[in-house]
Protein backbone atom coordinates (compact mmCIF):
# COMPACT_ATOMS: atom_id res chain seq x y z
CA MET A 1 -32.01 -38.16 -6.99
CA LYS A 2 -30.95 -41.22 -5.68
CA THR A 3 -33.65 -43.75 -7.08
CA LEU A 4 -32.60 -41.48 -10.63
CA ARG A 5 -29.17 -43.00 -9.87
CA SER A 6 -29.78 -46.32 -8.47
CA ILE A 7 -32.23 -46.65 -11.92
CA LEU A 8 -29.47 -45.54 -13.94
CA GLY A 9 -27.38 -48.17 -12.68
CA LEU A 10 -29.40 -50.89 -13.17
CA LEU A 11 -30.14 -49.38 -17.23
CA THR A 12 -26.23 -49.75 -17.23
CA LEU A 13 -26.51 -52.82 -16.82
CA LEU A 14 -29.17 -54.05 -18.45
CA SER A 15 -27.96 -52.82 -21.62
CA VAL A 16 -24.42 -54.26 -20.77
CA ALA A 17 -25.83 -58.11 -20.05
CA CYS A 18 -28.12 -57.60 -23.08
CA GLY A 19 -25.32 -57.52 -26.03
CA ASP A 20 -25.51 -56.51 -29.26
CA ASP A 21 -28.27 -59.82 -30.86
CA ASP A 22 -31.19 -58.03 -33.02
CA THR A 23 -32.99 -60.42 -30.96
CA ALA A 24 -32.07 -62.05 -27.42
CA PRO A 25 -34.10 -63.95 -25.70
CA MET A 26 -32.32 -66.15 -22.58
CA THR A 27 -32.87 -68.35 -20.14
CA ASP A 28 -29.91 -69.84 -17.52
CA GLY A 29 -30.38 -73.38 -19.32
CA GLY A 30 -29.93 -74.98 -16.41
CA THR A 31 -29.48 -78.60 -15.65
CA ASP A 32 -32.27 -79.14 -13.12
CA ALA A 33 -34.68 -81.82 -13.56
CA ALA A 34 -37.74 -80.17 -12.58
CA VAL A 35 -38.24 -78.52 -16.42
CA SER A 36 -41.88 -78.79 -16.26
CA SER A 37 -42.11 -76.28 -12.96
CA ARG A 38 -40.69 -73.54 -14.92
CA GLY A 39 -42.68 -70.52 -15.70
CA ALA A 40 -42.91 -67.59 -18.48
CA VAL A 41 -43.33 -64.08 -18.61
CA ARG A 42 -44.96 -63.38 -22.06
CA GLY A 43 -47.09 -59.88 -23.52
CA THR A 44 -47.46 -57.63 -26.48
CA VAL A 45 -45.51 -53.74 -26.29
CA SER A 46 -47.71 -51.23 -28.03
CA TYR A 47 -45.92 -48.01 -29.14
CA ALA A 48 -47.94 -45.34 -30.29
CA ARG A 49 -44.91 -44.14 -32.67
CA ALA A 50 -43.78 -46.19 -35.57
CA ASP A 51 -41.34 -43.47 -36.95
CA THR A 52 -38.29 -44.79 -34.51
CA SER A 53 -35.98 -47.46 -34.39
CA GLY A 54 -33.65 -48.90 -31.44
CA ARG A 55 -33.09 -51.43 -28.87
CA LEU A 56 -36.08 -53.12 -26.80
CA THR A 57 -35.03 -54.56 -23.55
CA VAL A 58 -37.65 -56.59 -21.36
CA GLY A 59 -36.28 -58.53 -18.28
CA VAL A 60 -37.11 -59.71 -14.82
CA TRP A 61 -35.17 -59.20 -11.72
CA THR A 62 -35.63 -61.05 -8.12
CA THR A 63 -35.54 -57.30 -5.93
CA PRO A 64 -38.44 -54.34 -5.40
CA SER A 65 -35.46 -52.11 -6.40
CA PRO A 66 -33.77 -53.54 -9.73
CA VAL A 67 -29.79 -53.89 -9.02
CA GLY A 68 -27.60 -55.25 -11.55
CA PRO A 69 -28.74 -57.48 -14.80
CA PRO A 70 -31.99 -58.27 -15.30
CA TYR A 71 -32.09 -62.29 -14.40
CA GLU A 72 -33.81 -63.18 -17.58
CA PHE A 73 -34.51 -60.70 -20.30
CA PHE A 74 -35.34 -60.60 -23.77
CA ALA A 75 -34.40 -57.95 -26.12
CA GLN A 76 -35.20 -56.69 -29.74
CA THR A 77 -33.05 -54.39 -32.17
CA ASN A 78 -35.51 -52.17 -34.44
CA PRO A 79 -38.67 -53.58 -33.33
CA THR A 80 -42.23 -53.70 -35.57
CA PHE A 81 -45.21 -52.92 -32.85
CA PRO A 82 -46.89 -54.47 -31.01
CA LEU A 83 -44.30 -56.79 -30.87
CA ASP A 84 -44.97 -59.94 -28.39
CA TYR A 85 -42.15 -60.74 -26.14
CA GLU A 86 -41.38 -63.77 -23.81
CA ILE A 87 -39.22 -65.19 -20.95
CA THR A 88 -38.88 -68.55 -20.64
CA GLY A 89 -37.05 -70.83 -17.67
CA LEU A 90 -38.06 -69.17 -15.32
CA PRO A 91 -38.10 -71.29 -12.03
CA PRO A 92 -40.68 -70.50 -8.61
CA GLY A 93 -40.54 -67.15 -7.10
CA THR A 94 -41.87 -63.73 -7.34
CA TYR A 95 -40.39 -61.23 -10.17
CA TYR A 96 -40.46 -57.88 -10.84
CA LEU A 97 -40.59 -56.61 -14.50
CA GLY A 98 -38.94 -53.40 -15.87
CA ILE A 99 -38.64 -52.25 -19.80
CA VAL A 100 -36.84 -49.77 -21.67
CA TYR A 101 -36.32 -48.61 -25.61
CA ASP A 102 -33.12 -47.06 -26.53
CA ILE A 103 -34.67 -45.04 -29.02
CA GLY A 104 -31.93 -45.08 -31.44
CA ALA A 105 -29.61 -47.47 -29.79
CA ASN A 106 -27.37 -44.38 -29.83
CA ASN A 107 -26.77 -45.11 -25.47
CA PRO A 108 -26.92 -48.49 -24.95
CA THR A 109 -26.01 -48.05 -21.25
CA ILE A 110 -27.44 -45.05 -20.16
CA PRO A 111 -30.80 -43.99 -21.75
CA GLY A 112 -31.69 -40.54 -22.44
CA PRO A 113 -34.64 -38.45 -21.52
CA GLU A 114 -36.46 -39.54 -25.47
CA ASP A 115 -36.19 -43.40 -24.49
CA PRO A 116 -39.46 -44.75 -22.78
CA VAL A 117 -38.61 -46.69 -19.53
CA GLU A 118 -41.19 -48.60 -17.50
CA PHE A 119 -40.83 -50.37 -13.86
CA PRO A 120 -44.36 -51.18 -12.97
CA PRO A 121 -43.94 -51.46 -9.08
CA ALA A 122 -46.36 -54.74 -8.70
CA PRO A 123 -44.41 -58.09 -8.53
CA ILE A 124 -45.44 -61.04 -10.37
CA THR A 125 -45.23 -64.45 -8.80
CA ILE A 126 -44.84 -67.43 -10.94
CA GLU A 127 -45.35 -70.96 -8.67
CA GLY A 128 -44.90 -74.63 -11.09
CA GLY A 129 -45.23 -74.20 -15.03
CA ASP A 130 -47.47 -70.57 -14.92
CA GLU A 131 -46.86 -68.26 -17.64
CA ILE A 132 -48.20 -65.11 -16.50
CA VAL A 133 -49.43 -62.20 -19.28
CA TRP A 134 -48.16 -58.41 -18.97
CA ASP A 135 -48.43 -56.28 -22.05
CA PHE A 136 -46.83 -53.11 -22.40
CA GLU A 137 -48.42 -49.54 -23.92
CA LEU A 138 -45.01 -47.27 -24.16
CA VAL A 139 -45.79 -43.71 -23.38
CA ASP A 140 -42.76 -40.82 -24.43
CA PRO A 141 -41.62 -39.54 -21.27
CA GLU A 142 -42.49 -35.87 -19.77
CA THR A 143 -39.50 -33.96 -21.59
């Protein structure tokens, strides 16, 4: 139950951080002179149900149990699947991916039981200008 509350809290912060833009790829835009050493995560999100609309968010966190808003994220309202995403500007480090598809975009702060959510447990590591490819296949949650 504690894990469920943590995930719900995390998703609340994720949704708040993502705002209402149709597409919101975010980077820190820092003045780091070593911009070329920054990496990226990109991939494709697939979802079999083409009859849905909502808000898709893909984010990266620096902790294995995501707390607070993501370090960087990509968001798309009413995506058409398959959808390519890219999160750029990541300095070297270890990151954890997460994805939420708020079907209907009816509750941006807490996903409902109908919303596909995935947080792969394996971390990704960015070294230098690495580009990591991570594809997601969203599935409907068990109800």
